[in-house]
Amino acid sequence: MEAAEQTRYQELLEEQKEALRKQLQEMGADPDQENTVDGLGLDFGFADSAQSTAERNKVLAVIERLRENLQDVNIALDKIEKGTYGVCERCGDPISPERLDAIPYARLCMTCKQKESA
């Protein structure tokens, strides 16, 4: 991968990292902690506690997914530093630029990702 391409992906990843951190903070989660916070600002005074529990579970699921994405972005940034960015973790082949444009933190090439999903 050329240096200019790598720089472009690094900038994209840095932007995504900041956006994910901001989303986590807006949801009441600390982006630097792996565990979820207890007081997410949900109203537990609802007469319907099942609704409150369902709402809390949805928020926790979103926070978990955001944290997973943030972790993937951090791994991709580490790979850029190590010079291994854009290489499939499973087969060692290059990940296509089209895939990296769509998902800059992709860890698998399309062939390996399709095999994983099957």
C-alpha atoms as a PDB file:
ATOM      1  CA  MET A   1       0.000   0.000   0.000  1.00  0.00           C
ATOM      2  CA  GLU A   2       1.326   3.419  -0.931  1.00  0.00           C
ATOM      3  CA  ALA A   3       2.136   5.967   1.768  1.00  0.00           C
ATOM      4  CA  ALA A   4      -0.484   8.448   0.494  1.00  0.00           C
ATOM      5  CA  GLU A   5      -3.183   5.769   0.653  1.00  0.00           C
ATOM      6  CA  GLN A   6      -2.133   4.764   4.130  1.00  0.00           C
ATOM      7  CA  THR A   7      -2.204   8.392   5.287  1.00  0.00           C
ATOM      8  CA  ARG A   8      -5.721   8.786   3.885  1.00  0.00           C
ATOM      9  CA  TYR A   9      -6.919   5.685   5.737  1.00  0.00           C
ATOM     10  CA  GLN A  10      -5.210   6.844   8.924  1.00  0.00           C
ATOM     11  CA  GLU A  11      -7.070  10.156   8.715  1.00  0.00           C
ATOM     12  CA  LEU A  12     -10.373   8.340   8.106  1.00  0.00           C
ATOM     13  CA  LEU A  13      -9.740   6.081  11.083  1.00  0.00           C
ATOM     14  CA  GLU A  14      -8.811   9.013  13.344  1.00  0.00           C
ATOM     15  CA  GLU A  15     -12.075  10.748  12.352  1.00  0.00           C
ATOM     16  CA  GLN A  16     -14.051   7.577  13.067  1.00  0.00           C
ATOM     17  CA  LYS A  17     -12.297   7.177  16.397  1.00  0.00           C
ATOM     18  CA  GLU A  18     -13.270  10.668  17.514  1.00  0.00           C
ATOM     19  CA  ALA A  19     -16.854  10.206  16.287  1.00  0.00           C
ATOM     20  CA  LEU A  20     -17.203   6.908  18.167  1.00  0.00           C
ATOM     21  CA  ARG A  21     -15.732   8.399  21.349  1.00  0.00           C
ATOM     22  CA  LYS A  22     -18.177  11.310  21.091  1.00  0.00           C
ATOM     23  CA  GLN A  23     -21.146   8.961  20.590  1.00  0.00           C
ATOM     24  CA  LEU A  24     -20.146   6.925  23.630  1.00  0.00           C
ATOM     25  CA  GLN A  25     -19.838  10.060  25.753  1.00  0.00           C
ATOM     26  CA  GLU A  26     -23.232  11.306  24.551  1.00  0.00           C
ATOM     27  CA  MET A  27     -24.761   7.998  25.661  1.00  0.00           C
ATOM     28  CA  GLY A  28     -23.264   8.384  29.124  1.00  0.00           C
ATOM     29  CA  ALA A  29     -20.471   5.837  28.668  1.00  0.00           C
ATOM     30  CA  ASP A  30     -16.784   6.420  29.270  1.00  0.00           C
ATOM     31  CA  PRO A  31     -14.985   5.660  25.975  1.00  0.00           C
ATOM     32  CA  ASP A  32     -11.802   4.775  27.875  1.00  0.00           C
ATOM     33  CA  GLN A  33     -13.486   2.083  29.987  1.00  0.00           C
ATOM     34  CA  GLU A  34     -14.540  -1.315  28.702  1.00  0.00           C
ATOM     35  CA  ASN A  35     -17.348  -1.802  31.190  1.00  0.00           C
ATOM     36  CA  THR A  36     -20.665  -0.060  30.805  1.00  0.00           C
ATOM     37  CA  VAL A  37     -21.760   2.529  33.305  1.00  0.00           C
ATOM     38  CA  ASP A  38     -24.717   1.900  35.590  1.00  0.00           C
ATOM     39  CA  GLY A  39     -26.407   5.280  35.534  1.00  0.00           C
ATOM     40  CA  LEU A  40     -27.139   5.880  31.886  1.00  0.00           C
ATOM     41  CA  GLY A  41     -29.704   8.540  32.614  1.00  0.00           C
ATOM     42  CA  LEU A  42     -32.639   6.227  32.020  1.00  0.00           C
ATOM     43  CA  ASP A  43     -35.800   6.894  33.949  1.00  0.00           C
ATOM     44  CA  PHE A  44     -36.300   3.970  36.316  1.00  0.00           C
ATOM     45  CA  GLY A  45     -39.377   5.622  37.796  1.00  0.00           C
ATOM     46  CA  PHE A  46     -41.506   4.271  34.961  1.00  0.00           C
ATOM     47  CA  ALA A  47     -44.644   2.500  36.074  1.00  0.00           C
ATOM     48  CA  ASP A  48     -43.773  -0.168  33.518  1.00  0.00           C
ATOM     49  CA  SER A  49     -40.445  -1.604  34.654  1.00  0.00           C
ATOM     50  CA  ALA A  50     -40.382  -3.995  31.666  1.00  0.00           C
ATOM     51  CA  GLN A  51     -40.315  -1.001  29.324  1.00  0.00           C
ATOM     52  CA  SER A  52     -37.499   0.547  31.352  1.00  0.00           C
ATOM     53  CA  THR A  53     -35.527  -2.708  31.231  1.00  0.00           C
ATOM     54  CA  ALA A  54     -36.048  -3.026  27.479  1.00  0.00           C
ATOM     55  CA  GLU A  55     -34.907   0.555  26.929  1.00  0.00           C
ATOM     56  CA  ARG A  56     -31.838   0.017  29.094  1.00  0.00           C
ATOM     57  CA  ASN A  57     -30.953  -3.182  27.198  1.00  0.00           C
ATOM     58  CA  LYS A  58     -31.196  -1.355  23.866  1.00  0.00           C
ATOM     59  CA  VAL A  59     -28.892   1.401  25.094  1.00  0.00           C
ATOM     60  CA  LEU A  60     -26.410  -1.128  26.466  1.00  0.00           C
ATOM     61  CA  ALA A  61     -26.411  -3.028  23.154  1.00  0.00           C
ATOM     62  CA  VAL A  62     -25.673   0.179  21.233  1.00  0.00           C
ATOM     63  CA  ILE A  63     -22.871   1.065  23.657  1.00  0.00           C
ATOM     64  CA  GLU A  64     -21.388  -2.418  23.292  1.00  0.00           C
ATOM     65  CA  ARG A  65     -21.417  -2.157  19.488  1.00  0.00           C
ATOM     66  CA  LEU A  66     -19.836   1.311  19.588  1.00  0.00           C
ATOM     67  CA  ARG A  67     -17.088  -0.018  21.871  1.00  0.00           C
ATOM     68  CA  GLU A  68     -16.465  -2.944  19.497  1.00  0.00           C
ATOM     69  CA  ASN A  69     -16.155  -0.520  16.591  1.00  0.00           C
ATOM     70  CA  LEU A  70     -13.800   1.698  18.594  1.00  0.00           C
ATOM     71  CA  GLN A  71     -11.651  -1.317  19.418  1.00  0.00           C
ATOM     72  CA  ASP A  72     -11.528  -2.294  15.716  1.00  0.00           C
ATOM     73  CA  VAL A  73     -10.519   1.266  14.777  1.00  0.00           C
ATOM     74  CA  ASN A  74      -7.743   1.230  17.403  1.00  0.00           C
ATOM     75  CA  ILE A  75      -6.484  -2.120  16.076  1.00  0.00           C
ATOM     76  CA  ALA A  76      -6.426  -0.709  12.539  1.00  0.00           C
ATOM     77  CA  LEU A  77      -4.478   2.348  13.707  1.00  0.00           C
ATOM     78  CA  ASP A  78      -1.970   0.047  15.433  1.00  0.00           C
ATOM     79  CA  LYS A  79      -1.614  -1.916  12.211  1.00  0.00           C
ATOM     80  CA  ILE A  80      -0.808   1.289  10.336  1.00  0.00           C
ATOM     81  CA  GLU A  81       1.962   1.988  12.861  1.00  0.00           C
ATOM     82  CA  LYS A  82       3.308  -1.571  12.493  1.00  0.00           C
ATOM     83  CA  GLY A  83       3.045  -1.563   8.690  1.00  0.00           C
ATOM     84  CA  THR A  84       0.531  -4.415   8.553  1.00  0.00           C
ATOM     85  CA  TYR A  85      -2.572  -2.384   7.684  1.00  0.00           C
ATOM     86  CA  GLY A  86      -4.652  -3.631   4.757  1.00  0.00           C
ATOM     87  CA  VAL A  87      -3.560  -7.263   5.109  1.00  0.00           C
ATOM     88  CA  CYS A  88      -6.117  -9.984   5.830  1.00  0.00           C
ATOM     89  CA  GLU A  89      -5.639 -11.507   9.283  1.00  0.00           C
ATOM     90  CA  ARG A  90      -6.692 -14.931   8.056  1.00  0.00           C
ATOM     91  CA  CYS A  91      -5.060 -15.518   4.668  1.00  0.00           C
ATOM     92  CA  GLY A  92      -2.437 -12.746   4.533  1.00  0.00           C
ATOM     93  CA  ASP A  93      -3.642 -11.386   1.194  1.00  0.00           C
ATOM     94  CA  PRO A  94      -4.176  -7.660   0.693  1.00  0.00           C
ATOM     95  CA  ILE A  95      -7.630  -6.328   1.533  1.00  0.00           C
ATOM     96  CA  SER A  96      -9.115  -4.599  -1.504  1.00  0.00           C
ATOM     97  CA  PRO A  97      -9.196  -0.791  -1.523  1.00  0.00           C
ATOM     98  CA  GLU A  98     -12.959  -0.960  -2.160  1.00  0.00           C
ATOM     99  CA  ARG A  99     -13.445  -2.883   1.086  1.00  0.00           C
ATOM    100  CA  LEU A 100     -11.175  -0.527   3.035  1.00  0.00           C
ATOM    101  CA  ASP A 101     -13.018   2.468   1.590  1.00  0.00           C
ATOM    102  CA  ALA A 102     -16.298   1.012   2.885  1.00  0.00           C
ATOM    103  CA  ILE A 103     -14.908  -0.284   6.192  1.00  0.00           C
ATOM    104  CA  PRO A 104     -11.476   1.204   6.942  1.00  0.00           C
ATOM    105  CA  TYR A 105     -11.104  -1.026  10.016  1.00  0.00           C
ATOM    106  CA  ALA A 106     -11.780  -4.262   8.094  1.00  0.00           C
ATOM    107  CA  ARG A 107      -9.631  -7.125   9.355  1.00  0.00           C
ATOM    108  CA  LEU A 108     -10.509  -9.708   6.716  1.00  0.00           C
ATOM    109  CA  CYS A 109     -10.554  -9.681   2.912  1.00  0.00           C
ATOM    110  CA  MET A 110     -13.928 -10.262   1.261  1.00  0.00           C
ATOM    111  CA  THR A 111     -13.205 -13.936   0.530  1.00  0.00           C
ATOM    112  CA  CYS A 112     -12.373 -14.714   4.159  1.00  0.00           C
ATOM    113  CA  LYS A 113     -15.272 -12.585   5.450  1.00  0.00           C
ATOM    114  CA  GLN A 114     -17.706 -14.477   3.201  1.00  0.00           C
ATOM    115  CA  LYS A 115     -16.339 -17.804   4.451  1.00  0.00           C
ATOM    116  CA  GLU A 116     -16.772 -16.599   8.046  1.00  0.00           C
ATOM    117  CA  SER A 117     -20.394 -15.580   7.407  1.00  0.00           C
ATOM    118  CA  ALA A 118     -21.307 -18.863   5.703  1.00  0.00           C
END
